[in-house]
Amino acid sequence: MGSQPAKSVEDKRRRRPRNESATEFLRDFPALLALDRLAVPILAVEDGGDIVFANEAFAAMVGYPRQALVSMNLQDLLPCITPHDSQIVPALREHANSVVRLWHADGWPVPAVVSDSVLIRESEAMAVVAFTDLSELAWNTTPDGEFSPR
């Protein structure tokens, strides 16, 4: 009865071998779980513009519930991105590392920098991008572009 070592709560929850290395664990870690838990706003969009994933940080930034976002099209939130031959991914890649304006659920613009897609292949039919919210910076900048004191 007492011949097996007691398993920790963590080992039971993960159902992973105790002697597994960190590298082995990361290799098998579900990508959606990782993206979902990031504090950085993340969005995944299919080439037709349909939003297929938004993490909680992105939902908070634009003021929509996550369930509402996955039934929306990117152009509902980002009308400045115009698709090339009905393909959003190449248009989104062109705007990588530039400032865009997302539209908040309350109707005001949210300035943000959009990253390049984490999916590297040019032929991908989906983009997974991160956003850096610039709202705080915008509120603390004077009309001539200088930072204003708090």
C-alpha atoms as a PDB file:
ATOM      1  CA  MET A   1       0.000   0.000   0.000  1.00  0.00           C
ATOM      2  CA  GLY A   2       2.737   2.475   0.831  1.00  0.00           C
ATOM      3  CA  SER A   3       5.169   1.378  -1.917  1.00  0.00           C
ATOM      4  CA  GLN A   4       4.347   4.200  -4.397  1.00  0.00           C
ATOM      5  CA  PRO A   5       5.625   7.734  -3.715  1.00  0.00           C
ATOM      6  CA  ALA A   6       2.935  10.327  -3.085  1.00  0.00           C
ATOM      7  CA  LYS A   7       2.269  12.615  -6.052  1.00  0.00           C
ATOM      8  CA  SER A   8       2.093  16.318  -5.535  1.00  0.00           C
ATOM      9  CA  VAL A   9      -1.078  18.218  -6.418  1.00  0.00           C
ATOM     10  CA  GLU A  10       0.785  19.810  -9.318  1.00  0.00           C
ATOM     11  CA  ASP A  11       1.754  16.410 -10.768  1.00  0.00           C
ATOM     12  CA  LYS A  12      -1.847  15.208 -10.522  1.00  0.00           C
ATOM     13  CA  ARG A  13      -3.224  18.368 -12.139  1.00  0.00           C
ATOM     14  CA  ARG A  14      -0.765  18.360 -15.022  1.00  0.00           C
ATOM     15  CA  ARG A  15      -0.796  14.573 -15.440  1.00  0.00           C
ATOM     16  CA  ARG A  16       2.805  14.881 -16.557  1.00  0.00           C
ATOM     17  CA  PRO A  17       5.792  12.777 -15.534  1.00  0.00           C
ATOM     18  CA  ARG A  18       7.629  14.149 -12.522  1.00  0.00           C
ATOM     19  CA  ASN A  19      11.027  13.842 -14.190  1.00  0.00           C
ATOM     20  CA  GLU A  20       9.996  15.793 -17.309  1.00  0.00           C
ATOM     21  CA  SER A  21      12.349  18.648 -18.170  1.00  0.00           C
ATOM     22  CA  ALA A  22      11.132  22.208 -18.640  1.00  0.00           C
ATOM     23  CA  THR A  23      11.961  21.975 -22.346  1.00  0.00           C
ATOM     24  CA  GLU A  24       9.849  18.826 -22.699  1.00  0.00           C
ATOM     25  CA  PHE A  25       6.988  20.504 -20.878  1.00  0.00           C
ATOM     26  CA  LEU A  26       7.128  23.615 -23.087  1.00  0.00           C
ATOM     27  CA  ARG A  27       7.258  21.564 -26.277  1.00  0.00           C
ATOM     28  CA  ASP A  28       3.903  19.971 -25.391  1.00  0.00           C
ATOM     29  CA  PHE A  29       2.273  23.067 -23.836  1.00  0.00           C
ATOM     30  CA  PRO A  30      -0.969  24.017 -25.655  1.00  0.00           C
ATOM     31  CA  ALA A  31      -0.455  27.248 -27.618  1.00  0.00           C
ATOM     32  CA  LEU A  32      -4.002  28.541 -27.070  1.00  0.00           C
ATOM     33  CA  LEU A  33      -3.643  28.154 -23.320  1.00  0.00           C
ATOM     34  CA  ALA A  34      -0.426  30.190 -23.417  1.00  0.00           C
ATOM     35  CA  LEU A  35      -1.934  32.913 -25.645  1.00  0.00           C
ATOM     36  CA  ASP A  36      -5.019  33.068 -23.469  1.00  0.00           C
ATOM     37  CA  ARG A  37      -3.018  33.672 -20.297  1.00  0.00           C
ATOM     38  CA  LEU A  38      -0.749  36.406 -21.677  1.00  0.00           C
ATOM     39  CA  ALA A  39      -1.279  39.938 -20.407  1.00  0.00           C
ATOM     40  CA  VAL A  40      -0.499  41.185 -23.923  1.00  0.00           C
ATOM     41  CA  PRO A  41      -3.539  41.703 -26.198  1.00  0.00           C
ATOM     42  CA  ILE A  42      -3.504  38.891 -28.805  1.00  0.00           C
ATOM     43  CA  LEU A  43      -5.779  38.433 -31.811  1.00  0.00           C
ATOM     44  CA  ALA A  44      -5.966  35.675 -34.452  1.00  0.00           C
ATOM     45  CA  VAL A  45      -7.643  36.490 -37.771  1.00  0.00           C
ATOM     46  CA  GLU A  46      -8.390  34.310 -40.789  1.00  0.00           C
ATOM     47  CA  ASP A  47      -7.552  35.635 -44.236  1.00  0.00           C
ATOM     48  CA  GLY A  48     -11.184  36.552 -44.898  1.00  0.00           C
ATOM     49  CA  GLY A  49     -11.082  38.818 -41.822  1.00  0.00           C
ATOM     50  CA  ASP A  50     -13.014  36.617 -39.400  1.00  0.00           C
ATOM     51  CA  ILE A  51     -11.682  36.819 -35.854  1.00  0.00           C
ATOM     52  CA  VAL A  52     -11.011  33.281 -34.630  1.00  0.00           C
ATOM     53  CA  PHE A  53      -9.329  34.028 -31.285  1.00  0.00           C
ATOM     54  CA  ALA A  54      -8.999  36.947 -28.900  1.00  0.00           C
ATOM     55  CA  ASN A  55      -7.498  36.700 -25.448  1.00  0.00           C
ATOM     56  CA  GLU A  56      -8.931  38.457 -22.401  1.00  0.00           C
ATOM     57  CA  ALA A  57      -6.354  41.274 -22.622  1.00  0.00           C
ATOM     58  CA  PHE A  58      -7.478  42.113 -26.169  1.00  0.00           C
ATOM     59  CA  ALA A  59     -11.158  41.957 -25.164  1.00  0.00           C
ATOM     60  CA  ALA A  60     -10.484  44.374 -22.298  1.00  0.00           C
ATOM     61  CA  MET A  61      -8.581  46.758 -24.592  1.00  0.00           C
ATOM     62  CA  VAL A  62     -11.464  47.048 -27.075  1.00  0.00           C
ATOM     63  CA  GLY A  63     -14.349  46.685 -24.594  1.00  0.00           C
ATOM     64  CA  TYR A  64     -16.061  43.671 -26.175  1.00  0.00           C
ATOM     65  CA  PRO A  65     -16.722  40.289 -24.574  1.00  0.00           C
ATOM     66  CA  ARG A  66     -14.548  37.555 -26.068  1.00  0.00           C
ATOM     67  CA  GLN A  67     -17.632  35.707 -27.327  1.00  0.00           C
ATOM     68  CA  ALA A  68     -18.689  38.785 -29.307  1.00  0.00           C
ATOM     69  CA  LEU A  69     -15.227  39.227 -30.821  1.00  0.00           C
ATOM     70  CA  VAL A  70     -15.116  35.737 -32.332  1.00  0.00           C
ATOM     71  CA  SER A  71     -18.302  36.527 -34.252  1.00  0.00           C
ATOM     72  CA  MET A  72     -16.858  39.751 -35.685  1.00  0.00           C
ATOM     73  CA  ASN A  73     -14.734  40.657 -38.685  1.00  0.00           C
ATOM     74  CA  LEU A  74     -11.425  42.489 -38.246  1.00  0.00           C
ATOM     75  CA  GLN A  75     -12.711  45.421 -40.291  1.00  0.00           C
ATOM     76  CA  ASP A  76     -15.389  46.006 -37.618  1.00  0.00           C
ATOM     77  CA  LEU A  77     -12.538  46.894 -35.256  1.00  0.00           C
ATOM     78  CA  LEU A  78      -9.845  48.042 -37.647  1.00  0.00           C
ATOM     79  CA  PRO A  79     -11.394  49.771 -40.668  1.00  0.00           C
ATOM     80  CA  CYS A  80      -8.040  51.266 -41.738  1.00  0.00           C
ATOM     81  CA  ILE A  81      -6.904  47.789 -42.869  1.00  0.00           C
ATOM     82  CA  THR A  82      -8.278  47.218 -46.350  1.00  0.00           C
ATOM     83  CA  PRO A  83      -7.922  43.727 -47.774  1.00  0.00           C
ATOM     84  CA  HIS A  84      -6.010  43.002 -50.964  1.00  0.00           C
ATOM     85  CA  ASP A  85      -8.161  40.800 -53.200  1.00  0.00           C
ATOM     86  CA  SER A  86     -10.278  39.952 -50.107  1.00  0.00           C
ATOM     87  CA  GLN A  87      -7.194  38.800 -48.169  1.00  0.00           C
ATOM     88  CA  ILE A  88      -6.677  40.428 -44.770  1.00  0.00           C
ATOM     89  CA  VAL A  89      -3.441  38.677 -43.760  1.00  0.00           C
ATOM     90  CA  PRO A  90      -1.179  40.401 -46.352  1.00  0.00           C
ATOM     91  CA  ALA A  91      -2.773  43.767 -45.520  1.00  0.00           C
ATOM     92  CA  LEU A  92      -2.236  43.155 -41.811  1.00  0.00           C
ATOM     93  CA  ARG A  93       1.410  42.231 -42.471  1.00  0.00           C
ATOM     94  CA  GLU A  94       1.902  45.548 -44.300  1.00  0.00           C
ATOM     95  CA  HIS A  95       0.811  47.384 -41.146  1.00  0.00           C
ATOM     96  CA  ALA A  96       3.137  45.388 -38.866  1.00  0.00           C
ATOM     97  CA  ASN A  97       4.938  47.514 -36.291  1.00  0.00           C
ATOM     98  CA  SER A  98       2.902  50.584 -37.122  1.00  0.00           C
ATOM     99  CA  VAL A  99       0.286  52.565 -35.226  1.00  0.00           C
ATOM    100  CA  VAL A 100      -3.332  51.695 -36.011  1.00  0.00           C
ATOM    101  CA  ARG A 101      -6.664  52.736 -34.523  1.00  0.00           C
ATOM    102  CA  LEU A 102      -8.904  50.004 -33.175  1.00  0.00           C
ATOM    103  CA  TRP A 103     -12.520  50.946 -32.469  1.00  0.00           C
ATOM    104  CA  HIS A 104     -13.647  50.412 -28.896  1.00  0.00           C
ATOM    105  CA  ALA A 105     -17.136  49.061 -28.162  1.00  0.00           C
ATOM    106  CA  ASP A 106     -18.050  52.529 -26.840  1.00  0.00           C
ATOM    107  CA  GLY A 107     -17.198  54.136 -30.187  1.00  0.00           C
ATOM    108  CA  TRP A 108     -13.848  55.797 -29.512  1.00  0.00           C
ATOM    109  CA  PRO A 109     -10.516  54.971 -31.161  1.00  0.00           C
ATOM    110  CA  VAL A 110      -7.825  53.020 -29.341  1.00  0.00           C
ATOM    111  CA  PRO A 111      -4.360  53.825 -30.726  1.00  0.00           C
ATOM    112  CA  ALA A 112      -2.172  50.737 -30.761  1.00  0.00           C
ATOM    113  CA  VAL A 113       0.910  49.279 -32.386  1.00  0.00           C
ATOM    114  CA  VAL A 114       0.195  46.014 -34.196  1.00  0.00           C
ATOM    115  CA  SER A 115       2.943  43.392 -34.329  1.00  0.00           C
ATOM    116  CA  ASP A 116       3.881  41.216 -37.246  1.00  0.00           C
ATOM    117  CA  SER A 117       2.164  37.833 -37.219  1.00  0.00           C
ATOM    118  CA  VAL A 118       3.843  35.157 -35.148  1.00  0.00           C
ATOM    119  CA  LEU A 119       3.046  32.783 -38.016  1.00  0.00           C
ATOM    120  CA  ILE A 120       6.094  33.142 -40.231  1.00  0.00           C
ATOM    121  CA  ARG A 121       5.172  31.615 -43.597  1.00  0.00           C
ATOM    122  CA  GLU A 122       4.000  34.159 -46.149  1.00  0.00           C
ATOM    123  CA  SER A 123       1.381  31.706 -47.418  1.00  0.00           C
ATOM    124  CA  GLU A 124      -0.416  31.475 -44.042  1.00  0.00           C
ATOM    125  CA  ALA A 125      -4.172  31.991 -44.261  1.00  0.00           C
ATOM    126  CA  MET A 126      -4.232  33.279 -40.682  1.00  0.00           C
ATOM    127  CA  ALA A 127      -2.400  35.940 -38.694  1.00  0.00           C
ATOM    128  CA  VAL A 128      -1.765  35.917 -34.956  1.00  0.00           C
ATOM    129  CA  VAL A 129      -0.803  39.414 -33.840  1.00  0.00           C
ATOM    130  CA  ALA A 130      -0.171  41.278 -30.607  1.00  0.00           C
ATOM    131  CA  PHE A 131      -1.154  44.856 -29.865  1.00  0.00           C
ATOM    132  CA  THR A 132       0.481  47.492 -27.693  1.00  0.00           C
ATOM    133  CA  ASP A 133      -2.128  49.906 -26.368  1.00  0.00           C
ATOM    134  CA  LEU A 134      -0.939  53.501 -26.763  1.00  0.00           C
ATOM    135  CA  SER A 135      -3.920  55.146 -25.028  1.00  0.00           C
ATOM    136  CA  GLU A 136      -1.941  56.083 -21.937  1.00  0.00           C
ATOM    137  CA  LEU A 137       0.789  57.612 -24.083  1.00  0.00           C
ATOM    138  CA  ALA A 138      -1.790  59.545 -26.119  1.00  0.00           C
ATOM    139  CA  TRP A 139      -3.370  61.005 -22.978  1.00  0.00           C
ATOM    140  CA  ASN A 140       0.024  62.169 -21.717  1.00  0.00           C
ATOM    141  CA  THR A 141       1.199  63.786 -24.953  1.00  0.00           C
ATOM    142  CA  THR A 142       0.667  67.411 -25.905  1.00  0.00           C
ATOM    143  CA  PRO A 143      -0.686  68.372 -29.379  1.00  0.00           C
ATOM    144  CA  ASP A 144       2.863  69.083 -30.601  1.00  0.00           C
ATOM    145  CA  GLY A 145       4.001  65.571 -29.696  1.00  0.00           C
ATOM    146  CA  GLU A 146       5.831  66.384 -26.466  1.00  0.00           C
ATOM    147  CA  PHE A 147       5.181  64.426 -23.294  1.00  0.00           C
ATOM    148  CA  SER A 148       3.156  66.358 -20.757  1.00  0.00           C
ATOM    149  CA  PRO A 149       3.945  66.046 -17.062  1.00  0.00           C
ATOM    150  CA  ARG A 150       1.540  64.023 -14.926  1.00  0.00           C
END
